[in-house]
Amino acid sequence: MEELIRKDFPEVVEFEILVTRGETMDEITLQVEFPEAKGAESFKDFSGPLREKLKTKTNLRFRIEQAAPGALPRYTLKAKRFKDLRKETGNG
């Protein structure tokens, strides 16, 4: 994920992956942060290609959400970017 995002989407300052339990299946959300907030149309133009690239590379569906500038923690370890919240959001 790190390599894909940093190589193909350099405008992303920071990102975080959240896995939650949905009603029928698990859901994966990729929160992305930019230097400045993108408008709704600009974010839509960005998130579509990112979602498709992730689907192609991982065969998983991601919901893409924009985080406010400075909202995400700064990570030094890749594994910390992935948060499994299924136990908190369901019967997991």
N, C-alpha and C. Protein backbone atom coordinates (compact mmCIF):
# COMPACT_ATOMS: atom_id res chain seq x y z
N MET A 1 0.82 -1.19 0.00
CA MET A 1 0.00 0.00 0.00
C MET A 1 0.87 1.26 0.00
N GLU A 2 1.86 1.25 0.86
CA GLU A 2 2.74 2.42 0.96
C GLU A 2 3.35 2.76 -0.40
N GLU A 3 3.90 1.75 -1.04
CA GLU A 3 4.55 1.98 -2.33
C GLU A 3 3.56 2.46 -3.39
N LEU A 4 2.40 1.83 -3.46
CA LEU A 4 1.39 2.23 -4.44
C LEU A 4 0.96 3.67 -4.24
N ILE A 5 0.63 4.03 -3.02
CA ILE A 5 0.14 5.38 -2.76
C ILE A 5 1.23 6.41 -2.97
N ARG A 6 2.42 6.16 -2.46
CA ARG A 6 3.50 7.14 -2.58
C ARG A 6 3.95 7.32 -4.04
N LYS A 7 3.94 6.24 -4.80
CA LYS A 7 4.39 6.30 -6.20
C LYS A 7 3.34 6.94 -7.11
N ASP A 8 2.11 6.48 -7.01
CA ASP A 8 1.07 6.91 -7.95
C ASP A 8 0.23 8.10 -7.48
N PHE A 9 0.27 8.40 -6.19
CA PHE A 9 -0.55 9.48 -5.64
C PHE A 9 0.30 10.32 -4.68
N PRO A 10 1.31 11.00 -5.20
CA PRO A 10 2.25 11.74 -4.34
C PRO A 10 1.63 12.90 -3.57
N GLU A 11 0.44 13.33 -3.96
CA GLU A 11 -0.21 14.43 -3.24
C GLU A 11 -0.73 14.01 -1.87
N VAL A 12 -0.76 12.70 -1.58
CA VAL A 12 -1.20 12.21 -0.28
C VAL A 12 -0.09 12.45 0.74
N VAL A 13 -0.40 13.19 1.78
CA VAL A 13 0.57 13.48 2.84
C VAL A 13 0.65 12.30 3.81
N GLU A 14 -0.49 11.79 4.21
CA GLU A 14 -0.56 10.69 5.17
C GLU A 14 -1.80 9.87 4.86
N PHE A 15 -1.80 8.61 5.29
CA PHE A 15 -2.97 7.76 5.09
C PHE A 15 -3.08 6.74 6.21
N GLU A 16 -4.27 6.19 6.35
CA GLU A 16 -4.55 5.20 7.38
C GLU A 16 -5.61 4.25 6.84
N ILE A 17 -5.48 2.97 7.14
CA ILE A 17 -6.43 1.96 6.69
C ILE A 17 -7.20 1.46 7.91
N LEU A 18 -8.53 1.50 7.81
CA LEU A 18 -9.40 1.03 8.88
C LEU A 18 -10.25 -0.12 8.37
N VAL A 19 -10.31 -1.20 9.13
CA VAL A 19 -11.18 -2.33 8.79
C VAL A 19 -12.24 -2.42 9.87
N THR A 20 -13.50 -2.39 9.44
CA THR A 20 -14.63 -2.48 10.36
C THR A 20 -15.57 -3.58 9.91
N ARG A 21 -16.42 -4.00 10.82
CA ARG A 21 -17.41 -5.02 10.50
C ARG A 21 -18.68 -4.33 10.02
N GLY A 22 -19.08 -4.61 8.78
CA GLY A 22 -20.32 -4.08 8.24
C GLY A 22 -21.46 -5.01 8.58
N GLU A 23 -22.63 -4.74 8.03
CA GLU A 23 -23.79 -5.59 8.31
C GLU A 23 -23.62 -6.99 7.73
N THR A 24 -23.09 -7.08 6.52
CA THR A 24 -22.95 -8.39 5.89
C THR A 24 -21.50 -8.80 5.65
N MET A 25 -20.60 -7.82 5.60
CA MET A 25 -19.19 -8.15 5.37
C MET A 25 -18.30 -7.05 5.94
N ASP A 26 -17.02 -7.36 6.03
CA ASP A 26 -16.07 -6.37 6.52
C ASP A 26 -15.94 -5.23 5.52
N GLU A 27 -15.64 -4.05 6.03
CA GLU A 27 -15.46 -2.87 5.19
C GLU A 27 -14.07 -2.31 5.41
N ILE A 28 -13.44 -1.87 4.32
CA ILE A 28 -12.10 -1.28 4.39
C ILE A 28 -12.21 0.18 3.98
N THR A 29 -11.73 1.04 4.84
CA THR A 29 -11.74 2.47 4.57
C THR A 29 -10.30 2.97 4.53
N LEU A 30 -9.98 3.70 3.49
CA LEU A 30 -8.68 4.35 3.39
C LEU A 30 -8.90 5.83 3.63
N GLN A 31 -8.36 6.33 4.73
CA GLN A 31 -8.43 7.76 5.01
C GLN A 31 -7.16 8.38 4.46
N VAL A 32 -7.31 9.44 3.68
CA VAL A 32 -6.16 10.10 3.07
C VAL A 32 -6.15 11.57 3.47
N GLU A 33 -4.95 12.08 3.66
CA GLU A 33 -4.77 13.47 4.05
C GLU A 33 -3.92 14.18 3.00
N PHE A 34 -4.31 15.39 2.67
CA PHE A 34 -3.61 16.22 1.70
C PHE A 34 -3.07 17.46 2.41
N PRO A 35 -2.15 18.19 1.78
CA PRO A 35 -1.63 19.41 2.40
C PRO A 35 -2.74 20.42 2.68
N GLU A 36 -3.73 20.48 1.80
CA GLU A 36 -4.88 21.38 1.97
C GLU A 36 -6.13 20.58 1.62
N ALA A 37 -7.24 20.93 2.24
CA ALA A 37 -8.50 20.23 1.96
C ALA A 37 -8.87 20.36 0.49
N LYS A 38 -9.27 19.27 -0.11
CA LYS A 38 -9.75 19.29 -1.49
C LYS A 38 -11.26 19.54 -1.47
N GLY A 39 -11.76 20.25 -2.46
CA GLY A 39 -13.20 20.43 -2.61
C GLY A 39 -13.83 19.10 -2.99
N ALA A 40 -15.14 19.00 -2.88
CA ALA A 40 -15.85 17.74 -3.14
C ALA A 40 -15.58 17.22 -4.55
N GLU A 41 -15.60 18.07 -5.55
CA GLU A 41 -15.39 17.63 -6.93
C GLU A 41 -13.94 17.19 -7.15
N SER A 42 -13.02 17.94 -6.61
CA SER A 42 -11.60 17.62 -6.72
C SER A 42 -11.31 16.29 -6.03
N PHE A 43 -11.91 16.07 -4.85
CA PHE A 43 -11.70 14.81 -4.14
C PHE A 43 -12.31 13.64 -4.91
N LYS A 44 -13.46 13.86 -5.51
CA LYS A 44 -14.10 12.82 -6.32
C LYS A 44 -13.20 12.44 -7.50
N ASP A 45 -12.60 13.44 -8.14
CA ASP A 45 -11.68 13.19 -9.26
C ASP A 45 -10.45 12.40 -8.81
N PHE A 46 -10.02 12.61 -7.58
CA PHE A 46 -8.87 11.90 -7.03
C PHE A 46 -9.24 10.50 -6.56
N SER A 47 -10.34 10.38 -5.82
CA SER A 47 -10.68 9.11 -5.18
C SER A 47 -11.07 8.01 -6.16
N GLY A 48 -11.67 8.36 -7.27
CA GLY A 48 -12.05 7.35 -8.26
C GLY A 48 -10.84 6.57 -8.78
N PRO A 49 -9.82 7.25 -9.31
CA PRO A 49 -8.63 6.53 -9.78
C PRO A 49 -7.91 5.77 -8.66
N LEU A 50 -7.87 6.34 -7.45
CA LEU A 50 -7.24 5.64 -6.34
C LEU A 50 -7.99 4.37 -6.01
N ARG A 51 -9.32 4.44 -5.94
CA ARG A 51 -10.15 3.27 -5.64
C ARG A 51 -9.92 2.17 -6.69
N GLU A 52 -9.88 2.56 -7.97
CA GLU A 52 -9.67 1.58 -9.05
C GLU A 52 -8.29 0.95 -8.97
N LYS A 53 -7.28 1.74 -8.68
CA LYS A 53 -5.91 1.22 -8.58
C LYS A 53 -5.81 0.23 -7.43
N LEU A 54 -6.42 0.55 -6.31
CA LEU A 54 -6.41 -0.35 -5.16
C LEU A 54 -7.15 -1.65 -5.48
N LYS A 55 -8.28 -1.54 -6.15
CA LYS A 55 -9.05 -2.74 -6.53
C LYS A 55 -8.23 -3.64 -7.44
N THR A 56 -7.54 -3.03 -8.41
CA THR A 56 -6.71 -3.79 -9.35
C THR A 56 -5.56 -4.49 -8.63
N LYS A 57 -4.90 -3.77 -7.73
CA LYS A 57 -3.71 -4.32 -7.05
C LYS A 57 -4.04 -5.30 -5.94
N THR A 58 -5.16 -5.11 -5.24
CA THR A 58 -5.45 -5.93 -4.06
C THR A 58 -6.66 -6.85 -4.22
N ASN A 59 -7.49 -6.58 -5.22
CA ASN A 59 -8.75 -7.29 -5.42
C ASN A 59 -9.72 -7.07 -4.25
N LEU A 60 -9.58 -5.92 -3.59
CA LEU A 60 -10.45 -5.53 -2.49
C LEU A 60 -11.09 -4.19 -2.80
N ARG A 61 -12.27 -3.97 -2.24
CA ARG A 61 -12.95 -2.68 -2.41
C ARG A 61 -12.66 -1.79 -1.21
N PHE A 62 -12.29 -0.58 -1.49
CA PHE A 62 -11.98 0.40 -0.46
C PHE A 62 -12.96 1.56 -0.53
N ARG A 63 -13.37 2.03 0.63
CA ARG A 63 -14.08 3.31 0.70
C ARG A 63 -12.98 4.33 0.95
N ILE A 64 -12.97 5.42 0.20
CA ILE A 64 -11.95 6.44 0.34
C ILE A 64 -12.56 7.65 1.04
N GLU A 65 -11.92 8.10 2.12
CA GLU A 65 -12.40 9.26 2.86
C GLU A 65 -11.27 10.28 2.97
N GLN A 66 -11.63 11.54 2.89
CA GLN A 66 -10.66 12.61 3.05
C GLN A 66 -10.57 13.01 4.52
N ALA A 67 -9.35 13.01 5.05
CA ALA A 67 -9.11 13.48 6.41
C ALA A 67 -8.68 14.94 6.34
N ALA A 68 -9.00 15.70 7.35
CA ALA A 68 -8.60 17.10 7.39
C ALA A 68 -7.08 17.20 7.47
N PRO A 69 -6.50 18.25 6.91
CA PRO A 69 -5.05 18.42 7.01
C PRO A 69 -4.59 18.38 8.47
N GLY A 70 -3.60 17.54 8.75
CA GLY A 70 -3.06 17.40 10.10
C GLY A 70 -3.84 16.48 11.01
N ALA A 71 -4.94 15.87 10.52
CA ALA A 71 -5.81 15.05 11.37
C ALA A 71 -5.26 13.65 11.64
N LEU A 72 -4.52 13.09 10.70
CA LEU A 72 -4.03 11.72 10.88
C LEU A 72 -2.70 11.72 11.63
N PRO A 73 -2.48 10.66 12.44
CA PRO A 73 -1.20 10.54 13.12
C PRO A 73 -0.07 10.37 12.11
N ARG A 74 1.12 10.76 12.50
CA ARG A 74 2.30 10.56 11.65
C ARG A 74 2.95 9.25 12.07
N TYR A 75 3.07 8.34 11.11
CA TYR A 75 3.56 7.00 11.41
C TYR A 75 5.01 6.84 10.96
N THR A 76 5.77 6.09 11.75
CA THR A 76 7.11 5.72 11.34
C THR A 76 7.16 4.25 10.96
N LEU A 77 6.20 3.47 11.43
CA LEU A 77 6.13 2.05 11.11
C LEU A 77 4.91 1.78 10.24
N LYS A 78 5.12 1.06 9.15
CA LYS A 78 4.04 0.80 8.20
C LYS A 78 2.87 0.07 8.85
N ALA A 79 3.15 -0.91 9.71
CA ALA A 79 2.09 -1.73 10.29
C ALA A 79 1.11 -0.90 11.12
N LYS A 80 1.52 0.21 11.66
CA LYS A 80 0.65 1.04 12.49
C LYS A 80 -0.42 1.75 11.67
N ARG A 81 -0.24 1.86 10.36
CA ARG A 81 -1.23 2.52 9.50
C ARG A 81 -2.50 1.69 9.36
N PHE A 82 -2.43 0.41 9.69
CA PHE A 82 -3.55 -0.52 9.54
C PHE A 82 -4.21 -0.70 10.89
N LYS A 83 -5.52 -0.36 10.99
CA LYS A 83 -6.24 -0.52 12.24
C LYS A 83 -7.43 -1.46 12.02
N ASP A 84 -7.41 -2.57 12.74
CA ASP A 84 -8.50 -3.55 12.68
C ASP A 84 -9.47 -3.23 13.80
N LEU A 85 -10.61 -2.64 13.44
CA LEU A 85 -11.61 -2.23 14.42
C LEU A 85 -12.80 -3.18 14.46
N ARG A 86 -12.68 -4.36 13.86
CA ARG A 86 -13.82 -5.27 13.79
C ARG A 86 -14.33 -5.69 15.16
N LYS A 87 -13.47 -5.87 16.11
CA LYS A 87 -13.92 -6.26 17.45
C LYS A 87 -14.73 -5.14 18.11
N GLU A 88 -14.42 -3.91 17.73
CA GLU A 88 -15.12 -2.76 18.29
C GLU A 88 -16.44 -2.47 17.57
N THR A 89 -16.59 -2.98 16.32
CA THR A 89 -17.75 -2.62 15.52
C THR A 89 -18.70 -3.78 15.24
N GLY A 90 -18.50 -4.92 15.86
CA GLY A 90 -19.39 -6.04 15.55
C GLY A 90 -19.15 -7.22 16.47
N ASN A 91 -19.46 -8.38 15.94
CA ASN A 91 -19.38 -9.61 16.72
C ASN A 91 -18.02 -10.26 16.66
N GLY A 92 -17.02 -9.62 16.01
CA GLY A 92 -15.70 -10.19 15.80
C GLY A 92 -15.04 -10.53 17.02
